[in-house]
Amino acid sequence: IEFKLANASTLEAAVDADTLTDGHHMTL
């Protein structure tokens, strides 16, 4: 499965670079 986390706002936004990869930020 491929995961895509997109900025859906109208402004720039910061997110942890490893959100989808490090195993701590994500639940499935």
PDB file of all heavy atoms in Angstrom:
ATOM      1  N   ILE A   1       0.854  -1.185   0.000  1.00  0.00           N
ATOM      2  CA  ILE A   1       0.000   0.000   0.000  1.00  0.00           C
ATOM      3  C   ILE A   1       0.894   1.242   0.000  1.00  0.00           C
ATOM      4  O   ILE A   1       1.883   1.308   0.728  1.00  0.00           O
ATOM      5  CB  ILE A   1      -0.925   0.030   1.231  1.00  0.00           C
ATOM      6  CG1 ILE A   1      -1.862  -1.170   1.207  1.00  0.00           C
ATOM      7  CG2 ILE A   1      -1.730   1.323   1.278  1.00  0.00           C
ATOM      8  CD1 ILE A   1      -2.804  -1.204   0.037  1.00  0.00           C
ATOM      9  N   GLU A   2       0.543   2.222  -0.823  1.00  0.00           N
ATOM     10  CA  GLU A   2       1.242   3.494  -0.827  1.00  0.00           C
ATOM     11  C   GLU A   2       0.440   4.523  -0.038  1.00  0.00           C
ATOM     12  O   GLU A   2      -0.793   4.532  -0.068  1.00  0.00           O
ATOM     13  CB  GLU A   2       1.475   3.968  -2.265  1.00  0.00           C
ATOM     14  CG  GLU A   2       2.424   3.058  -3.025  1.00  0.00           C
ATOM     15  CD  GLU A   2       2.833   3.607  -4.375  1.00  0.00           C
ATOM     16  OE1 GLU A   2       2.381   4.728  -4.720  1.00  0.00           O
ATOM     17  OE2 GLU A   2       3.603   2.928  -5.075  1.00  0.00           O
ATOM     18  N   PHE A   3       1.172   5.367   0.678  1.00  0.00           N
ATOM     19  CA  PHE A   3       0.576   6.369   1.559  1.00  0.00           C
ATOM     20  C   PHE A   3       0.953   7.754   1.035  1.00  0.00           C
ATOM     21  O   PHE A   3       2.114   8.005   0.709  1.00  0.00           O
ATOM     22  CB  PHE A   3       1.097   6.199   2.987  1.00  0.00           C
ATOM     23  CG  PHE A   3       0.757   4.868   3.599  1.00  0.00           C
ATOM     24  CD1 PHE A   3       1.447   3.718   3.244  1.00  0.00           C
ATOM     25  CD2 PHE A   3      -0.253   4.767   4.548  1.00  0.00           C
ATOM     26  CE1 PHE A   3       1.142   2.498   3.802  1.00  0.00           C
ATOM     27  CE2 PHE A   3      -0.564   3.544   5.112  1.00  0.00           C
ATOM     28  CZ  PHE A   3       0.134   2.408   4.734  1.00  0.00           C
ATOM     29  N   LYS A   4      -0.027   8.636   1.012  1.00  0.00           N
ATOM     30  CA  LYS A   4       0.191  10.010   0.557  1.00  0.00           C
ATOM     31  C   LYS A   4      -0.413  10.960   1.581  1.00  0.00           C
ATOM     32  O   LYS A   4      -1.611  10.921   1.839  1.00  0.00           O
ATOM     33  CB  LYS A   4      -0.463  10.232  -0.809  1.00  0.00           C
ATOM     34  CG  LYS A   4      -0.372  11.671  -1.320  1.00  0.00           C
ATOM     35  CD  LYS A   4      -1.123  11.823  -2.642  1.00  0.00           C
ATOM     36  CE  LYS A   4      -1.099  13.260  -3.142  1.00  0.00           C
ATOM     37  NZ  LYS A   4      -1.855  13.424  -4.410  1.00  0.00           N
ATOM     38  N   LEU A   5       0.421  11.795   2.183  1.00  0.00           N
ATOM     39  CA  LEU A   5      -0.044  12.798   3.135  1.00  0.00           C
ATOM     40  C   LEU A   5       0.156  14.164   2.487  1.00  0.00           C
ATOM     41  O   LEU A   5       1.286  14.599   2.255  1.00  0.00           O
ATOM     42  CB  LEU A   5       0.736  12.716   4.447  1.00  0.00           C
ATOM     43  CG  LEU A   5       0.357  13.736   5.525  1.00  0.00           C
ATOM     44  CD1 LEU A   5      -1.088  13.544   5.977  1.00  0.00           C
ATOM     45  CD2 LEU A   5       1.303  13.648   6.711  1.00  0.00           C
ATOM     46  N   ALA A   6      -0.955  14.844   2.178  1.00  0.00           N
ATOM     47  CA  ALA A   6      -0.905  16.087   1.414  1.00  0.00           C
ATOM     48  C   ALA A   6      -1.347  17.270   2.253  1.00  0.00           C
ATOM     49  O   ALA A   6      -2.220  17.155   3.129  1.00  0.00           O
ATOM     50  CB  ALA A   6      -1.796  15.974   0.171  1.00  0.00           C
ATOM     51  N   ASN A   7      -0.742  18.412   1.989  1.00  0.00           N
ATOM     52  CA  ASN A   7      -1.150  19.674   2.596  1.00  0.00           C
ATOM     53  C   ASN A   7      -2.418  20.140   1.890  1.00  0.00           C
ATOM     54  O   ASN A   7      -2.384  20.554   0.731  1.00  0.00           O
ATOM     55  CB  ASN A   7      -0.029  20.696   2.452  1.00  0.00           C
ATOM     56  CG  ASN A   7      -0.410  22.054   3.031  1.00  0.00           C
ATOM     57  OD1 ASN A   7      -1.495  22.234   3.592  1.00  0.00           O
ATOM     58  ND2 ASN A   7       0.476  23.030   2.882  1.00  0.00           N
ATOM     59  N   ALA A   8      -3.539  20.076   2.587  1.00  0.00           N
ATOM     60  CA  ALA A   8      -4.830  20.436   1.994  1.00  0.00           C
ATOM     61  C   ALA A   8      -5.249  21.854   2.345  1.00  0.00           C
ATOM     62  O   ALA A   8      -6.374  22.258   2.051  1.00  0.00           O
ATOM     63  CB  ALA A   8      -5.907  19.450   2.459  1.00  0.00           C
ATOM     64  N   SER A   9      -4.363  22.629   2.963  1.00  0.00           N
ATOM     65  CA  SER A   9      -4.690  23.999   3.335  1.00  0.00           C
ATOM     66  C   SER A   9      -4.296  24.951   2.215  1.00  0.00           C
ATOM     67  O   SER A   9      -3.798  24.544   1.163  1.00  0.00           O
ATOM     68  CB  SER A   9      -3.967  24.378   4.630  1.00  0.00           C
ATOM     69  OG  SER A   9      -2.575  24.536   4.391  1.00  0.00           O
ATOM     70  N   THR A  10      -4.503  26.215   2.457  1.00  0.00           N
ATOM     71  CA  THR A  10      -4.127  27.239   1.472  1.00  0.00           C
ATOM     72  C   THR A  10      -2.799  27.906   1.817  1.00  0.00           C
ATOM     73  O   THR A  10      -2.392  28.852   1.143  1.00  0.00           O
ATOM     74  CB  THR A  10      -5.232  28.305   1.393  1.00  0.00           C
ATOM     75  OG1 THR A  10      -5.409  28.890   2.693  1.00  0.00           O
ATOM     76  CG2 THR A  10      -6.541  27.692   0.915  1.00  0.00           C
ATOM     77  N   LEU A  11      -2.127  27.405   2.861  1.00  0.00           N
ATOM     78  CA  LEU A  11      -0.863  27.989   3.308  1.00  0.00           C
ATOM     79  C   LEU A  11       0.212  26.915   3.367  1.00  0.00           C
ATOM     80  O   LEU A  11      -0.089  25.715   3.424  1.00  0.00           O
ATOM     81  CB  LEU A  11      -1.023  28.631   4.697  1.00  0.00           C
ATOM     82  CG  LEU A  11      -2.082  29.726   4.838  1.00  0.00           C
ATOM     83  CD1 LEU A  11      -2.231  30.105   6.303  1.00  0.00           C
ATOM     84  CD2 LEU A  11      -1.717  30.941   3.993  1.00  0.00           C
ATOM     85  N   GLU A  12       1.459  27.338   3.378  1.00  0.00           N
ATOM     86  CA  GLU A  12       2.539  26.393   3.608  1.00  0.00           C
ATOM     87  C   GLU A  12       2.405  25.794   5.011  1.00  0.00           C
ATOM     88  O   GLU A  12       1.976  26.468   5.943  1.00  0.00           O
ATOM     89  CB  GLU A  12       3.901  27.076   3.461  1.00  0.00           C
ATOM     90  CG  GLU A  12       4.275  27.436   2.036  1.00  0.00           C
ATOM     91  CD  GLU A  12       5.708  27.926   1.946  1.00  0.00           C
ATOM     92  OE1 GLU A  12       6.313  28.173   3.016  1.00  0.00           O
ATOM     93  OE2 GLU A  12       6.229  28.047   0.831  1.00  0.00           O
ATOM     94  N   ALA A  13       2.800  24.538   5.142  1.00  0.00           N
ATOM     95  CA  ALA A  13       2.689  23.873   6.440  1.00  0.00           C
ATOM     96  C   ALA A  13       3.842  22.896   6.602  1.00  0.00           C
ATOM     97  O   ALA A  13       4.312  22.293   5.626  1.00  0.00           O
ATOM     98  CB  ALA A  13       1.355  23.144   6.556  1.00  0.00           C
ATOM     99  N   ALA A  14       4.310  22.743   7.829  1.00  0.00           N
ATOM    100  CA  ALA A  14       5.422  21.842   8.133  1.00  0.00           C
ATOM    101  C   ALA A  14       4.893  20.547   8.730  1.00  0.00           C
ATOM    102  O   ALA A  14       3.890  20.533   9.452  1.00  0.00           O
ATOM    103  CB  ALA A  14       6.400  22.507   9.093  1.00  0.00           C
ATOM    104  N   VAL A  15       5.578  19.464   8.437  1.00  0.00           N
ATOM    105  CA  VAL A  15       5.222  18.155   8.969  1.00  0.00           C
ATOM    106  C   VAL A  15       6.518  17.378   9.180  1.00  0.00           C
ATOM    107  O   VAL A  15       7.516  17.610   8.493  1.00  0.00           O
ATOM    108  CB  VAL A  15       4.278  17.402   7.997  1.00  0.00           C
ATOM    109  CG1 VAL A  15       4.985  17.111   6.678  1.00  0.00           C
ATOM    110  CG2 VAL A  15       3.751  16.119   8.618  1.00  0.00           C
ATOM    111  N   ASP A  16       6.529  16.471  10.162  1.00  0.00           N
ATOM    112  CA  ASP A  16       7.705  15.628  10.373  1.00  0.00           C
ATOM    113  C   ASP A  16       7.988  14.827   9.111  1.00  0.00           C
ATOM    114  O   ASP A  16       7.094  14.161   8.569  1.00  0.00           O
ATOM    115  CB  ASP A  16       7.475  14.670  11.540  1.00  0.00           C
ATOM    116  CG  ASP A  16       7.554  15.368  12.887  1.00  0.00           C
ATOM    117  OD1 ASP A  16       7.934  16.548  12.908  1.00  0.00           O
ATOM    118  OD2 ASP A  16       7.236  14.729  13.903  1.00  0.00           O
ATOM    119  N   ALA A  17       9.237  14.853   8.651  1.00  0.00           N
ATOM    120  CA  ALA A  17       9.589  14.183   7.401  1.00  0.00           C
ATOM    121  C   ALA A  17       9.373  12.677   7.470  1.00  0.00           C
ATOM    122  O   ALA A  17       9.138  12.030   6.448  1.00  0.00           O
ATOM    123  CB  ALA A  17      11.047  14.487   7.046  1.00  0.00           C
ATOM    124  N   ASP A  18       9.460  12.104   8.683  1.00  0.00           N
ATOM    125  CA  ASP A  18       9.331  10.656   8.822  1.00  0.00           C
ATOM    126  C   ASP A  18       7.939  10.223   9.262  1.00  0.00           C
ATOM    127  O   ASP A  18       7.756   9.107   9.744  1.00  0.00           O
ATOM    128  CB  ASP A  18      10.366  10.133   9.814  1.00  0.00           C
ATOM    129  CG  ASP A  18      10.218  10.774  11.194  1.00  0.00           C
ATOM    130  OD1 ASP A  18       9.293  11.589  11.379  1.00  0.00           O
ATOM    131  OD2 ASP A  18      11.031  10.466  12.084  1.00  0.00           O
ATOM    132  N   THR A  19       6.937  11.070   9.087  1.00  0.00           N
ATOM    133  CA  THR A  19       5.583  10.762   9.551  1.00  0.00           C
ATOM    134  C   THR A  19       5.083   9.426   9.015  1.00  0.00           C
ATOM    135  O   THR A  19       4.423   8.663   9.740  1.00  0.00           O
ATOM    136  CB  THR A  19       4.608  11.883   9.137  1.00  0.00           C
ATOM    137  OG1 THR A  19       4.994  13.100   9.802  1.00  0.00           O
ATOM    138  CG2 THR A  19       3.179  11.547   9.511  1.00  0.00           C
ATOM    139  N   LEU A  20       5.384   9.119   7.768  1.00  0.00           N
ATOM    140  CA  LEU A  20       4.857   7.909   7.139  1.00  0.00           C
ATOM    141  C   LEU A  20       5.834   6.740   7.170  1.00  0.00           C
ATOM    142  O   LEU A  20       5.497   5.656   6.687  1.00  0.00           O
ATOM    143  CB  LEU A  20       4.481   8.201   5.684  1.00  0.00           C
ATOM    144  CG  LEU A  20       3.433   9.288   5.453  1.00  0.00           C
ATOM    145  CD1 LEU A  20       3.189   9.474   3.956  1.00  0.00           C
ATOM    146  CD2 LEU A  20       2.124   8.967   6.157  1.00  0.00           C
ATOM    147  N   THR A  21       7.026   6.944   7.743  1.00  0.00           N
ATOM    148  CA  THR A  21       8.056   5.910   7.609  1.00  0.00           C
ATOM    149  C   THR A  21       8.631   5.373   8.901  1.00  0.00           C
ATOM    150  O   THR A  21       9.121   4.241   8.925  1.00  0.00           O
ATOM    151  CB  THR A  21       9.231   6.442   6.759  1.00  0.00           C
ATOM    152  OG1 THR A  21       9.776   7.615   7.378  1.00  0.00           O
ATOM    153  CG2 THR A  21       8.773   6.772   5.348  1.00  0.00           C
ATOM    154  N   ASP A  22       8.627   6.130  10.005  1.00  0.00           N
ATOM    155  CA  ASP A  22       9.404   5.704  11.173  1.00  0.00           C
ATOM    156  C   ASP A  22       8.690   4.705  12.060  1.00  0.00           C
ATOM    157  O   ASP A  22       9.269   4.152  12.975  1.00  0.00           O
ATOM    158  CB  ASP A  22       9.865   6.910  11.994  1.00  0.00           C
ATOM    159  CG  ASP A  22       8.720   7.596  12.734  1.00  0.00           C
ATOM    160  OD1 ASP A  22       7.548   7.260  12.482  1.00  0.00           O
ATOM    161  OD2 ASP A  22       9.004   8.482  13.566  1.00  0.00           O
ATOM    162  N   GLY A  23       7.379   4.466  11.809  1.00  0.00           N
ATOM    163  CA  GLY A  23       6.644   3.489  12.595  1.00  0.00           C
ATOM    164  C   GLY A  23       5.998   4.041  13.839  1.00  0.00           C
ATOM    165  O   GLY A  23       5.225   3.341  14.489  1.00  0.00           O
ATOM    166  N   HIS A  24       6.280   5.286  14.203  1.00  0.00           N
ATOM    167  CA  HIS A  24       5.710   5.865  15.418  1.00  0.00           C
ATOM    168  C   HIS A  24       4.490   6.736  15.135  1.00  0.00           C
ATOM    169  O   HIS A  24       3.588   6.830  15.966  1.00  0.00           O
ATOM    170  CB  HIS A  24       6.759   6.710  16.147  1.00  0.00           C
ATOM    171  CG  HIS A  24       7.906   5.925  16.666  1.00  0.00           C
ATOM    172  ND1 HIS A  24       7.775   4.958  17.635  1.00  0.00           N
ATOM    173  CD2 HIS A  24       9.225   5.958  16.353  1.00  0.00           C
ATOM    174  CE1 HIS A  24       8.957   4.438  17.897  1.00  0.00           C
ATOM    175  NE2 HIS A  24       9.855   5.020  17.134  1.00  0.00           N
ATOM    176  N   HIS A  25       4.461   7.401  13.984  1.00  0.00           N
ATOM    177  CA  HIS A  25       3.413   8.376  13.711  1.00  0.00           C
ATOM    178  C   HIS A  25       2.156   7.763  13.101  1.00  0.00           C
ATOM    179  O   HIS A  25       1.116   8.405  13.067  1.00  0.00           O
ATOM    180  CB  HIS A  25       3.924   9.447  12.736  1.00  0.00           C
ATOM    181  CG  HIS A  25       5.006  10.317  13.295  1.00  0.00           C
ATOM    182  ND1 HIS A  25       6.307   9.882  13.450  1.00  0.00           N
ATOM    183  CD2 HIS A  25       4.988  11.601  13.737  1.00  0.00           C
ATOM    184  CE1 HIS A  25       7.037  10.855  13.959  1.00  0.00           C
ATOM    185  NE2 HIS A  25       6.279  11.902  14.141  1.00  0.00           N
ATOM    186  N   MET A  26       2.243   6.561  12.607  1.00  0.00           N
ATOM    187  CA  MET A  26       1.172   6.021  11.782  1.00  0.00           C
ATOM    188  C   MET A  26       0.567   4.763  12.390  1.00  0.00           C
ATOM    189  O   MET A  26       1.263   3.945  12.989  1.00  0.00           O
ATOM    190  CB  MET A  26       1.701   5.714  10.383  1.00  0.00           C
ATOM    191  CG  MET A  26       0.623   5.422   9.360  1.00  0.00           C
ATOM    192  SD  MET A  26       1.368   5.204   7.730  1.00  0.00           S
ATOM    193  CE  MET A  26       2.357   3.736   8.018  1.00  0.00           C
ATOM    194  N   THR A  27      -0.750   4.621  12.212  1.00  0.00           N
ATOM    195  CA  THR A  27      -1.480   3.443  12.660  1.00  0.00           C
ATOM    196  C   THR A  27      -2.299   2.932  11.486  1.00  0.00           C
ATOM    197  O   THR A  27      -2.876   3.717  10.736  1.00  0.00           O
ATOM    198  CB  THR A  27      -2.417   3.784  13.824  1.00  0.00           C
ATOM    199  OG1 THR A  27      -1.691   4.542  14.796  1.00  0.00           O
ATOM    200  CG2 THR A  27      -2.952   2.534  14.473  1.00  0.00           C
ATOM    201  N   LEU A  28      -2.377   1.613  11.320  1.00  0.00           N
ATOM    202  CA  LEU A  28      -3.104   1.024  10.200  1.00  0.00           C
ATOM    203  C   LEU A  28      -3.964  -0.119  10.708  1.00  0.00           C
ATOM    204  O   LEU A  28      -3.520  -0.936  11.516  1.00  0.00           O
ATOM    205  CB  LEU A  28      -2.114   0.502   9.147  1.00  0.00           C
ATOM    206  CG  LEU A  28      -2.729  -0.017   7.853  1.00  0.00           C
ATOM    207  CD1 LEU A  28      -3.142   1.154   6.966  1.00  0.00           C
ATOM    208  CD2 LEU A  28      -1.745  -0.906   7.108  1.00  0.00           C
TER     209      LEU A  28
END
